[in-house]
Amino acid sequence: MPQPLSERPRPQSLRELFWAFNWLALQGFGGVLAVVQRGIVEQKRWLTPDEFVEEWAVAQVLPGPNVINLALMLGDRYFGLRGAMTAVAGMLAVPTLLIIVLALVYAQLAGHPQVAGALRGMGAVAAGLIAATGIKLVPTLRRHPLGLRTALVLMALVFIAIALLRWPLIVVLLLFGGVACVWTWRRIGP
């Protein structure tokens, strides 16, 4: 049985929320999904795996960067509007300064073949992080109202639509996301 919200770990202050999201953002080279899932679910336990999947799904369909949307939602959950703004500031403050410095350095080194090769190598690492996190999230689908098999079929269809057929993301989200939402709503509805 899930722990009541009042007994679960949560950020104790706006300062803790700011630094937690700042630390997650600083680790998120090539994408932050894996880092955020590990930090928020496994280490801090501010969300359960099921809650993370639900929140991440909402964050993905909203406009803007997924992780910023998630930070807004979590900050709001714990501290209202002040928490939402604090979490986003944590995601952006130090990483933005770091990106400016790195952009200046990259502008000086971009012509070197070793730099280009190193950056290409990081692409494989980023893809591995995303794939590993996706695989880690599959067990939460066992508890999904549609069932594991149906969820896996939907995952496969989305993969085919995006990776093989190269459908636009908005079409895939509206089509498969809409079908999944309506189907789940009917399954759990009154």
N, C-alpha and C. Protein backbone atom coordinates (compact mmCIF):
# COMPACT_ATOMS: atom_id res chain seq x y z
N MET A 1 0.85 -1.19 0.00
CA MET A 1 0.00 0.00 0.00
C MET A 1 0.89 1.24 0.00
N PRO A 2 0.58 2.23 -0.86
CA PRO A 2 1.42 3.42 -0.92
C PRO A 2 1.39 4.19 0.40
N GLN A 3 2.53 4.84 0.68
CA GLN A 3 2.64 5.67 1.87
C GLN A 3 1.77 6.90 1.71
N PRO A 4 1.08 7.35 2.78
CA PRO A 4 0.33 8.61 2.69
C PRO A 4 1.28 9.77 2.37
N LEU A 5 0.77 10.76 1.61
CA LEU A 5 1.60 11.88 1.20
C LEU A 5 2.25 12.58 2.39
N SER A 6 1.56 12.67 3.52
CA SER A 6 2.10 13.38 4.67
C SER A 6 3.31 12.67 5.28
N GLU A 7 3.47 11.37 5.03
CA GLU A 7 4.57 10.61 5.61
C GLU A 7 5.73 10.41 4.64
N ARG A 8 5.57 10.81 3.40
CA ARG A 8 6.60 10.56 2.39
C ARG A 8 7.65 11.65 2.40
N PRO A 9 8.85 11.32 1.92
CA PRO A 9 9.89 12.35 1.81
C PRO A 9 9.43 13.47 0.88
N ARG A 10 9.85 14.67 1.20
CA ARG A 10 9.53 15.84 0.41
C ARG A 10 10.59 16.89 0.68
N PRO A 11 10.74 17.86 -0.23
CA PRO A 11 11.71 18.92 0.05
C PRO A 11 11.26 19.70 1.29
N GLN A 12 12.19 19.99 2.17
CA GLN A 12 11.85 20.67 3.42
C GLN A 12 11.86 22.20 3.31
N SER A 13 12.47 22.70 2.23
CA SER A 13 12.53 24.16 2.07
C SER A 13 12.68 24.49 0.59
N LEU A 14 12.44 25.76 0.29
CA LEU A 14 12.66 26.23 -1.07
C LEU A 14 14.14 26.11 -1.44
N ARG A 15 15.02 26.32 -0.48
CA ARG A 15 16.46 26.19 -0.73
C ARG A 15 16.79 24.75 -1.15
N GLU A 16 16.25 23.77 -0.44
CA GLU A 16 16.51 22.37 -0.80
C GLU A 16 15.98 22.07 -2.20
N LEU A 17 14.79 22.57 -2.51
CA LEU A 17 14.20 22.37 -3.83
C LEU A 17 15.09 22.99 -4.91
N PHE A 18 15.55 24.22 -4.69
CA PHE A 18 16.41 24.91 -5.66
C PHE A 18 17.67 24.09 -5.93
N TRP A 19 18.38 23.71 -4.87
CA TRP A 19 19.65 23.01 -5.05
C TRP A 19 19.47 21.61 -5.60
N ALA A 20 18.36 20.95 -5.27
CA ALA A 20 18.11 19.62 -5.83
C ALA A 20 17.95 19.71 -7.35
N PHE A 21 17.16 20.67 -7.82
CA PHE A 21 16.97 20.80 -9.27
C PHE A 21 18.22 21.35 -9.94
N ASN A 22 18.97 22.19 -9.24
CA ASN A 22 20.22 22.68 -9.80
C ASN A 22 21.18 21.52 -10.00
N TRP A 23 21.30 20.65 -9.02
CA TRP A 23 22.20 19.50 -9.11
C TRP A 23 21.76 18.55 -10.23
N LEU A 24 20.44 18.33 -10.36
CA LEU A 24 19.94 17.47 -11.43
C LEU A 24 20.28 18.07 -12.80
N ALA A 25 20.10 19.37 -12.94
CA ALA A 25 20.38 20.02 -14.21
C ALA A 25 21.86 19.95 -14.56
N LEU A 26 22.72 20.09 -13.57
CA LEU A 26 24.16 20.05 -13.83
C LEU A 26 24.64 18.66 -14.23
N GLN A 27 23.88 17.64 -13.89
CA GLN A 27 24.24 16.27 -14.27
C GLN A 27 23.65 15.86 -15.60
N GLY A 28 22.76 16.66 -16.15
CA GLY A 28 21.96 16.25 -17.30
C GLY A 28 22.57 16.51 -18.65
N PHE A 29 23.80 16.11 -18.87
CA PHE A 29 24.39 16.26 -20.20
C PHE A 29 23.76 15.26 -21.15
N GLY A 30 23.28 15.75 -22.30
CA GLY A 30 22.68 14.87 -23.29
C GLY A 30 21.25 14.49 -22.99
N GLY A 31 20.66 15.07 -21.99
CA GLY A 31 19.29 14.76 -21.61
C GLY A 31 19.22 14.46 -20.13
N VAL A 32 18.15 14.88 -19.51
CA VAL A 32 18.08 14.76 -18.06
C VAL A 32 17.09 13.70 -17.58
N LEU A 33 16.42 13.02 -18.50
CA LEU A 33 15.41 12.05 -18.07
C LEU A 33 15.99 11.03 -17.10
N ALA A 34 17.10 10.42 -17.45
CA ALA A 34 17.68 9.39 -16.59
C ALA A 34 18.10 9.97 -15.26
N VAL A 35 18.70 11.15 -15.29
CA VAL A 35 19.18 11.79 -14.07
C VAL A 35 18.01 12.18 -13.17
N VAL A 36 16.98 12.78 -13.75
CA VAL A 36 15.83 13.22 -12.96
C VAL A 36 15.11 12.02 -12.37
N GLN A 37 14.92 10.96 -13.15
CA GLN A 37 14.24 9.77 -12.64
C GLN A 37 15.01 9.20 -11.46
N ARG A 38 16.31 9.07 -11.59
CA ARG A 38 17.12 8.51 -10.51
C ARG A 38 17.10 9.44 -9.29
N GLY A 39 17.26 10.74 -9.51
CA GLY A 39 17.32 11.70 -8.40
C GLY A 39 16.00 11.86 -7.67
N ILE A 40 14.92 12.05 -8.42
CA ILE A 40 13.62 12.33 -7.80
C ILE A 40 12.95 11.07 -7.26
N VAL A 41 13.08 9.96 -7.98
CA VAL A 41 12.38 8.72 -7.58
C VAL A 41 13.25 7.85 -6.68
N GLU A 42 14.46 7.53 -7.13
CA GLU A 42 15.27 6.55 -6.42
C GLU A 42 16.02 7.14 -5.23
N GLN A 43 16.56 8.34 -5.38
CA GLN A 43 17.36 8.91 -4.29
C GLN A 43 16.52 9.71 -3.30
N LYS A 44 15.80 10.70 -3.78
CA LYS A 44 15.04 11.56 -2.87
C LYS A 44 13.68 10.98 -2.50
N ARG A 45 13.13 10.13 -3.38
CA ARG A 45 11.83 9.49 -3.19
C ARG A 45 10.69 10.51 -3.03
N TRP A 46 10.83 11.65 -3.74
CA TRP A 46 9.77 12.66 -3.74
C TRP A 46 8.58 12.20 -4.56
N LEU A 47 8.81 11.27 -5.50
CA LEU A 47 7.75 10.67 -6.30
C LEU A 47 7.95 9.16 -6.32
N THR A 48 6.86 8.42 -6.42
CA THR A 48 6.96 6.98 -6.64
C THR A 48 7.22 6.76 -8.13
N PRO A 49 7.65 5.56 -8.53
CA PRO A 49 7.83 5.31 -9.97
C PRO A 49 6.56 5.57 -10.77
N ASP A 50 5.41 5.16 -10.24
CA ASP A 50 4.14 5.39 -10.95
C ASP A 50 3.85 6.88 -11.10
N GLU A 51 4.04 7.63 -10.02
CA GLU A 51 3.82 9.07 -10.08
C GLU A 51 4.77 9.72 -11.08
N PHE A 52 6.02 9.27 -11.11
CA PHE A 52 6.99 9.84 -12.05
C PHE A 52 6.53 9.62 -13.49
N VAL A 53 6.09 8.41 -13.81
CA VAL A 53 5.63 8.12 -15.17
C VAL A 53 4.46 9.03 -15.53
N GLU A 54 3.52 9.20 -14.60
CA GLU A 54 2.36 10.05 -14.86
C GLU A 54 2.77 11.51 -15.04
N GLU A 55 3.60 12.01 -14.12
CA GLU A 55 4.04 13.41 -14.20
C GLU A 55 4.88 13.65 -15.46
N TRP A 56 5.76 12.69 -15.79
CA TRP A 56 6.60 12.85 -16.97
C TRP A 56 5.75 12.86 -18.23
N ALA A 57 4.70 12.03 -18.25
CA ALA A 57 3.81 12.01 -19.42
C ALA A 57 3.14 13.37 -19.60
N VAL A 58 2.69 13.96 -18.52
CA VAL A 58 2.09 15.30 -18.60
C VAL A 58 3.14 16.32 -19.05
N ALA A 59 4.33 16.23 -18.46
CA ALA A 59 5.40 17.18 -18.81
C ALA A 59 5.76 17.10 -20.29
N GLN A 60 5.67 15.90 -20.87
CA GLN A 60 6.03 15.73 -22.29
C GLN A 60 5.01 16.32 -23.23
N VAL A 61 3.74 16.29 -22.88
CA VAL A 61 2.74 16.78 -23.82
C VAL A 61 2.51 18.28 -23.70
N LEU A 62 3.05 18.90 -22.65
CA LEU A 62 2.95 20.35 -22.53
C LEU A 62 4.02 21.01 -23.39
N PRO A 63 3.77 22.22 -23.86
CA PRO A 63 4.81 22.91 -24.63
C PRO A 63 5.99 23.27 -23.73
N GLY A 64 7.17 23.30 -24.32
CA GLY A 64 8.36 23.66 -23.58
C GLY A 64 9.18 22.43 -23.20
N PRO A 65 10.34 22.66 -22.61
CA PRO A 65 11.21 21.54 -22.23
C PRO A 65 10.57 20.67 -21.15
N ASN A 66 10.61 19.37 -21.36
CA ASN A 66 9.97 18.41 -20.45
C ASN A 66 10.41 18.60 -19.00
N VAL A 67 11.70 18.72 -18.79
CA VAL A 67 12.21 18.77 -17.42
C VAL A 67 11.82 20.08 -16.73
N ILE A 68 11.71 21.16 -17.48
CA ILE A 68 11.24 22.42 -16.90
C ILE A 68 9.78 22.27 -16.49
N ASN A 69 8.98 21.63 -17.33
CA ASN A 69 7.58 21.38 -16.99
C ASN A 69 7.48 20.54 -15.72
N LEU A 70 8.32 19.50 -15.62
CA LEU A 70 8.31 18.65 -14.44
C LEU A 70 8.73 19.44 -13.20
N ALA A 71 9.75 20.26 -13.33
CA ALA A 71 10.20 21.09 -12.20
C ALA A 71 9.07 22.01 -11.74
N LEU A 72 8.37 22.62 -12.69
CA LEU A 72 7.23 23.48 -12.34
C LEU A 72 6.17 22.70 -11.57
N MET A 73 5.85 21.51 -12.05
CA MET A 73 4.79 20.72 -11.41
C MET A 73 5.20 20.29 -10.00
N LEU A 74 6.45 19.85 -9.84
CA LEU A 74 6.89 19.40 -8.52
C LEU A 74 7.03 20.57 -7.55
N GLY A 75 7.59 21.68 -8.03
CA GLY A 75 7.70 22.86 -7.16
C GLY A 75 6.34 23.32 -6.70
N ASP A 76 5.37 23.32 -7.62
CA ASP A 76 4.01 23.71 -7.27
C ASP A 76 3.39 22.73 -6.29
N ARG A 77 3.64 21.46 -6.47
CA ARG A 77 3.07 20.43 -5.60
C ARG A 77 3.46 20.67 -4.14
N TYR A 78 4.71 21.06 -3.91
CA TYR A 78 5.21 21.17 -2.55
C TYR A 78 5.14 22.58 -1.97
N PHE A 79 5.24 23.62 -2.80
CA PHE A 79 5.30 24.99 -2.27
C PHE A 79 4.47 25.99 -3.06
N GLY A 80 3.60 25.52 -3.93
CA GLY A 80 2.78 26.44 -4.71
C GLY A 80 3.59 27.20 -5.74
N LEU A 81 3.15 28.40 -6.08
CA LEU A 81 3.80 29.20 -7.12
C LEU A 81 5.26 29.49 -6.77
N ARG A 82 5.55 29.80 -5.50
CA ARG A 82 6.95 30.06 -5.10
C ARG A 82 7.82 28.83 -5.36
N GLY A 83 7.29 27.65 -5.11
CA GLY A 83 8.03 26.42 -5.36
C GLY A 83 8.25 26.19 -6.84
N ALA A 84 7.22 26.48 -7.63
CA ALA A 84 7.35 26.30 -9.08
C ALA A 84 8.45 27.19 -9.63
N MET A 85 8.46 28.45 -9.22
CA MET A 85 9.48 29.39 -9.69
C MET A 85 10.87 29.00 -9.16
N THR A 86 10.94 28.54 -7.94
CA THR A 86 12.21 28.14 -7.34
C THR A 86 12.79 26.92 -8.06
N ALA A 87 11.96 25.93 -8.35
CA ALA A 87 12.44 24.72 -9.04
C ALA A 87 12.96 25.06 -10.43
N VAL A 88 12.25 25.91 -11.14
CA VAL A 88 12.71 26.32 -12.48
C VAL A 88 14.00 27.12 -12.38
N ALA A 89 14.09 28.00 -11.40
CA ALA A 89 15.33 28.76 -11.21
C ALA A 89 16.48 27.79 -10.92
N GLY A 90 16.23 26.76 -10.15
CA GLY A 90 17.25 25.76 -9.88
C GLY A 90 17.69 25.04 -11.15
N MET A 91 16.74 24.76 -12.01
CA MET A 91 17.07 24.09 -13.28
C MET A 91 17.90 24.98 -14.20
N LEU A 92 17.73 26.29 -14.09
CA LEU A 92 18.32 27.19 -15.08
C LEU A 92 19.51 28.03 -14.62
N ALA A 93 19.63 28.35 -13.36
CA ALA A 93 20.61 29.35 -12.89
C ALA A 93 22.05 28.98 -13.24
N VAL A 94 22.63 28.05 -12.53
CA VAL A 94 24.04 27.69 -12.75
C VAL A 94 24.23 27.03 -14.12
N PRO A 95 23.33 26.13 -14.55
CA PRO A 95 23.52 25.54 -15.88
C PRO A 95 23.57 26.58 -17.00
N THR A 96 22.80 27.65 -16.89
CA THR A 96 22.83 28.69 -17.93
C THR A 96 24.19 29.37 -17.96
N LEU A 97 24.73 29.68 -16.80
CA LEU A 97 26.07 30.29 -16.76
C LEU A 97 27.11 29.33 -17.33
N LEU A 98 26.99 28.06 -16.99
CA LEU A 98 27.93 27.05 -17.50
C LEU A 98 27.84 26.93 -19.02
N ILE A 99 26.63 26.95 -19.55
CA ILE A 99 26.44 26.86 -21.00
C ILE A 99 27.06 28.05 -21.71
N ILE A 100 26.93 29.24 -21.14
CA ILE A 100 27.53 30.42 -21.76
C ILE A 100 29.05 30.27 -21.82
N VAL A 101 29.64 29.81 -20.73
CA VAL A 101 31.10 29.60 -20.71
C VAL A 101 31.50 28.53 -21.71
N LEU A 102 30.77 27.41 -21.72
CA LEU A 102 31.09 26.33 -22.66
C LEU A 102 30.92 26.76 -24.12
N ALA A 103 29.91 27.57 -24.39
CA ALA A 103 29.70 28.07 -25.76
C ALA A 103 30.88 28.93 -26.20
N LEU A 104 31.39 29.73 -25.28
CA LEU A 104 32.56 30.56 -25.61
C LEU A 104 33.78 29.70 -25.88
N VAL A 105 33.97 28.66 -25.08
CA VAL A 105 35.09 27.74 -25.28
C VAL A 105 34.92 26.97 -26.58
N TYR A 106 33.70 26.47 -26.83
CA TYR A 106 33.43 25.70 -28.04
C TYR A 106 33.68 26.54 -29.30
N ALA A 107 33.31 27.81 -29.24
CA ALA A 107 33.53 28.69 -30.40
C ALA A 107 35.02 28.75 -30.77
N GLN A 108 35.87 28.62 -29.78
CA GLN A 108 37.31 28.64 -30.03
C GLN A 108 37.85 27.29 -30.53
N LEU A 109 37.18 26.18 -30.14
CA LEU A 109 37.70 24.85 -30.43
C LEU A 109 36.91 24.06 -31.48
N ALA A 110 35.83 24.62 -31.99
CA ALA A 110 34.91 23.88 -32.86
C ALA A 110 35.59 23.32 -34.12
N GLY A 111 36.63 23.95 -34.59
CA GLY A 111 37.29 23.50 -35.81
C GLY A 111 38.20 22.29 -35.63
N HIS A 112 38.45 21.88 -34.42
CA HIS A 112 39.35 20.75 -34.17
C HIS A 112 38.61 19.41 -34.34
N PRO A 113 39.15 18.49 -35.15
CA PRO A 113 38.48 17.20 -35.37
C PRO A 113 38.29 16.39 -34.09
N GLN A 114 39.21 16.53 -33.14
CA GLN A 114 39.07 15.78 -31.89
C GLN A 114 37.83 16.23 -31.11
N VAL A 115 37.54 17.50 -31.14
CA VAL A 115 36.36 18.04 -30.45
C VAL A 115 35.09 17.49 -31.10
N ALA A 116 35.04 17.50 -32.42
CA ALA A 116 33.87 16.97 -33.13
C ALA A 116 33.69 15.48 -32.83
N GLY A 117 34.77 14.73 -32.82
CA GLY A 117 34.70 13.30 -32.51
C GLY A 117 34.22 13.03 -31.10
N ALA A 118 34.71 13.82 -30.16
CA ALA A 118 34.29 13.64 -28.77
C ALA A 118 32.80 13.90 -28.62
N LEU A 119 32.31 14.94 -29.27
CA LEU A 119 30.87 15.25 -29.18
C LEU A 119 30.01 14.17 -29.83
N ARG A 120 30.49 13.60 -30.94
CA ARG A 120 29.75 12.49 -31.56
C ARG A 120 29.69 11.30 -30.61
N GLY A 121 30.76 11.04 -29.91
CA GLY A 121 30.78 9.94 -28.94
C GLY A 121 29.77 10.14 -27.82
N MET A 122 29.57 11.37 -27.42
CA MET A 122 28.60 11.66 -26.37
C MET A 122 27.16 11.37 -26.83
N GLY A 123 26.93 11.42 -28.12
CA GLY A 123 25.59 11.09 -28.64
C GLY A 123 25.21 9.67 -28.30
N ALA A 124 26.16 8.75 -28.41
CA ALA A 124 25.88 7.35 -28.07
C ALA A 124 25.58 7.20 -26.58
N VAL A 125 26.29 7.94 -25.77
CA VAL A 125 26.05 7.89 -24.32
C VAL A 125 24.66 8.42 -24.00
N ALA A 126 24.28 9.52 -24.63
CA ALA A 126 22.95 10.10 -24.39
C ALA A 126 21.85 9.13 -24.80
N ALA A 127 22.02 8.48 -25.95
CA ALA A 127 21.03 7.50 -26.40
C ALA A 127 20.94 6.34 -25.41
N GLY A 128 22.07 5.90 -24.90
CA GLY A 128 22.08 4.83 -23.91
C GLY A 128 21.36 5.22 -22.63
N LEU A 129 21.56 6.45 -22.18
CA LEU A 129 20.88 6.93 -20.97
C LEU A 129 19.36 6.93 -21.16
N ILE A 130 18.92 7.40 -22.30
CA ILE A 130 17.48 7.46 -22.57
C ILE A 130 16.90 6.05 -22.65
N ALA A 131 17.59 5.16 -23.37
CA ALA A 131 17.10 3.77 -23.49
C ALA A 131 17.07 3.08 -22.13
N ALA A 132 18.10 3.26 -21.33
CA ALA A 132 18.15 2.62 -20.01
C ALA A 132 17.02 3.11 -19.11
N THR A 133 16.74 4.39 -19.15
CA THR A 133 15.66 4.93 -18.33
C THR A 133 14.31 4.41 -18.81
N GLY A 134 14.12 4.35 -20.12
CA GLY A 134 12.88 3.79 -20.65
C GLY A 134 12.67 2.37 -20.19
N ILE A 135 13.72 1.57 -20.23
CA ILE A 135 13.63 0.17 -19.78
C ILE A 135 13.33 0.11 -18.29
N LYS A 136 13.94 1.00 -17.50
CA LYS A 136 13.68 1.04 -16.05
C LYS A 136 12.22 1.36 -15.75
N LEU A 137 11.58 2.15 -16.61
CA LEU A 137 10.21 2.57 -16.36
C LEU A 137 9.18 1.52 -16.78
N VAL A 138 9.58 0.51 -17.56
CA VAL A 138 8.65 -0.51 -18.02
C VAL A 138 7.94 -1.24 -16.87
N PRO A 139 8.61 -1.60 -15.78
CA PRO A 139 7.90 -2.30 -14.70
C PRO A 139 6.70 -1.54 -14.14
N THR A 140 6.73 -0.21 -14.20
CA THR A 140 5.57 0.55 -13.70
C THR A 140 4.34 0.30 -14.57
N LEU A 141 4.55 -0.14 -15.81
CA LEU A 141 3.42 -0.40 -16.70
C LEU A 141 2.62 -1.63 -16.29
N ARG A 142 3.21 -2.49 -15.47
CA ARG A 142 2.47 -3.66 -14.98
C ARG A 142 1.23 -3.24 -14.19
N ARG A 143 1.32 -2.08 -13.56
CA ARG A 143 0.21 -1.58 -12.74
C ARG A 143 -0.70 -0.63 -13.51
N HIS A 144 -0.40 -0.42 -14.78
CA HIS A 144 -1.20 0.50 -15.60
C HIS A 144 -2.57 -0.11 -15.85
N PRO A 145 -3.62 0.70 -15.85
CA PRO A 145 -4.98 0.18 -16.10
C PRO A 145 -5.15 -0.58 -17.42
N LEU A 146 -4.33 -0.27 -18.42
CA LEU A 146 -4.44 -0.98 -19.70
C LEU A 146 -3.71 -2.32 -19.68
N GLY A 147 -2.86 -2.52 -18.70
CA GLY A 147 -2.11 -3.77 -18.62
C GLY A 147 -0.79 -3.67 -19.36
N LEU A 148 0.13 -4.53 -18.97
CA LEU A 148 1.49 -4.50 -19.52
C LEU A 148 1.50 -4.76 -21.02
N ARG A 149 0.78 -5.77 -21.48
CA ARG A 149 0.82 -6.10 -22.92
C ARG A 149 0.34 -4.94 -23.78
N THR A 150 -0.79 -4.36 -23.41
CA THR A 150 -1.34 -3.25 -24.19
C THR A 150 -0.37 -2.06 -24.18
N ALA A 151 0.21 -1.77 -23.02
CA ALA A 151 1.17 -0.67 -22.92
C ALA A 151 2.39 -0.94 -23.80
N LEU A 152 2.87 -2.17 -23.81
CA LEU A 152 4.02 -2.52 -24.64
C LEU A 152 3.68 -2.42 -26.13
N VAL A 153 2.47 -2.79 -26.50
CA VAL A 153 2.05 -2.64 -27.90
C VAL A 153 2.01 -1.16 -28.28
N LEU A 154 1.46 -0.33 -27.40
CA LEU A 154 1.45 1.11 -27.66
C LEU A 154 2.87 1.66 -27.79
N MET A 155 3.77 1.21 -26.91
CA MET A 155 5.17 1.63 -26.99
C MET A 155 5.77 1.26 -28.34
N ALA A 156 5.51 0.03 -28.78
CA ALA A 156 6.05 -0.43 -30.06
C ALA A 156 5.49 0.39 -31.22
N LEU A 157 4.19 0.67 -31.18
CA LEU A 157 3.57 1.46 -32.24
C LEU A 157 4.16 2.88 -32.29
N VAL A 158 4.38 3.47 -31.13
CA VAL A 158 4.97 4.81 -31.08
C VAL A 158 6.39 4.76 -31.62
N PHE A 159 7.16 3.74 -31.24
CA PHE A 159 8.52 3.60 -31.75
C PHE A 159 8.51 3.49 -33.28
N ILE A 160 7.64 2.65 -33.81
CA ILE A 160 7.55 2.47 -35.27
C ILE A 160 7.17 3.78 -35.95
N ALA A 161 6.17 4.48 -35.38
CA ALA A 161 5.72 5.73 -35.98
C ALA A 161 6.82 6.78 -36.01
N ILE A 162 7.61 6.86 -34.92
CA ILE A 162 8.64 7.90 -34.85
C ILE A 162 9.93 7.47 -35.54
N ALA A 163 10.44 6.30 -35.17
CA ALA A 163 11.77 5.89 -35.64
C ALA A 163 11.76 5.38 -37.08
N LEU A 164 10.75 4.62 -37.45
CA LEU A 164 10.75 4.01 -38.78
C LEU A 164 9.94 4.81 -39.80
N LEU A 165 8.74 5.21 -39.41
CA LEU A 165 7.89 5.95 -40.35
C LEU A 165 8.17 7.45 -40.35
N ARG A 166 8.86 7.92 -39.33
CA ARG A 166 9.26 9.33 -39.19
C ARG A 166 8.07 10.29 -39.19
N TRP A 167 7.01 9.88 -38.49
CA TRP A 167 5.85 10.76 -38.34
C TRP A 167 6.24 11.93 -37.45
N PRO A 168 5.63 13.08 -37.65
CA PRO A 168 5.89 14.22 -36.76
C PRO A 168 5.46 13.90 -35.32
N LEU A 169 6.24 14.38 -34.37
CA LEU A 169 5.97 14.09 -32.97
C LEU A 169 4.57 14.52 -32.55
N ILE A 170 4.10 15.66 -33.01
CA ILE A 170 2.78 16.15 -32.62
C ILE A 170 1.69 15.18 -33.08
N VAL A 171 1.86 14.61 -34.26
CA VAL A 171 0.88 13.64 -34.77
C VAL A 171 0.88 12.39 -33.90
N VAL A 172 2.07 11.91 -33.55
CA VAL A 172 2.18 10.71 -32.71
C VAL A 172 1.57 10.97 -31.33
N LEU A 173 1.89 12.13 -30.75
CA LEU A 173 1.34 12.47 -29.43
C LEU A 173 -0.18 12.56 -29.47
N LEU A 174 -0.71 13.26 -30.46
CA LEU A 174 -2.16 13.41 -30.54
C LEU A 174 -2.85 12.07 -30.81
N LEU A 175 -2.32 11.30 -31.74
CA LEU A 175 -2.95 10.03 -32.11
C LEU A 175 -2.83 9.00 -30.99
N PHE A 176 -1.61 8.61 -30.68
CA PHE A 176 -1.42 7.54 -29.69
C PHE A 176 -1.69 8.02 -28.27
N GLY A 177 -1.29 9.26 -27.96
CA GLY A 177 -1.59 9.81 -26.64
C GLY A 177 -3.08 9.94 -26.42
N GLY A 178 -3.78 10.41 -27.46
CA GLY A 178 -5.24 10.54 -27.35
C GLY A 178 -5.91 9.19 -27.17
N VAL A 179 -5.51 8.21 -27.97
CA VAL A 179 -6.08 6.86 -27.84
C VAL A 179 -5.80 6.29 -26.45
N ALA A 180 -4.56 6.42 -25.98
CA ALA A 180 -4.19 5.88 -24.66
C ALA A 180 -4.96 6.58 -23.54
N CYS A 181 -5.12 7.89 -23.64
CA CYS A 181 -5.85 8.62 -22.60
C CYS A 181 -7.32 8.21 -22.56
N VAL A 182 -7.96 8.18 -23.72
CA VAL A 182 -9.38 7.81 -23.76
C VAL A 182 -9.57 6.37 -23.30
N TRP A 183 -8.73 5.48 -23.76
CA TRP A 183 -8.82 4.07 -23.42
C TRP A 183 -8.63 3.87 -21.89
N THR A 184 -7.63 4.54 -21.34
CA THR A 184 -7.40 4.44 -19.90
C THR A 184 -8.55 5.06 -19.12
N TRP A 185 -9.03 6.21 -19.55
CA TRP A 185 -10.14 6.86 -18.88
C TRP A 185 -11.37 5.95 -18.87
N ARG A 186 -11.65 5.29 -19.99
CA ARG A 186 -12.79 4.37 -20.05
C ARG A 186 -12.58 3.16 -19.12
N ARG A 187 -11.35 2.72 -19.01
CA ARG A 187 -11.03 1.56 -18.19
C ARG A 187 -11.21 1.88 -16.70
N ILE A 188 -10.84 3.10 -16.28
CA ILE A 188 -10.93 3.45 -14.86
C ILE A 188 -12.12 4.34 -14.54
N GLY A 189 -12.83 4.80 -15.58
CA GLY A 189 -13.93 5.72 -15.38
C GLY A 189 -15.10 5.10 -14.62
N PRO A 190 -16.12 5.92 -14.38
CA PRO A 190 -17.27 5.48 -13.58
C PRO A 190 -18.03 4.34 -14.17
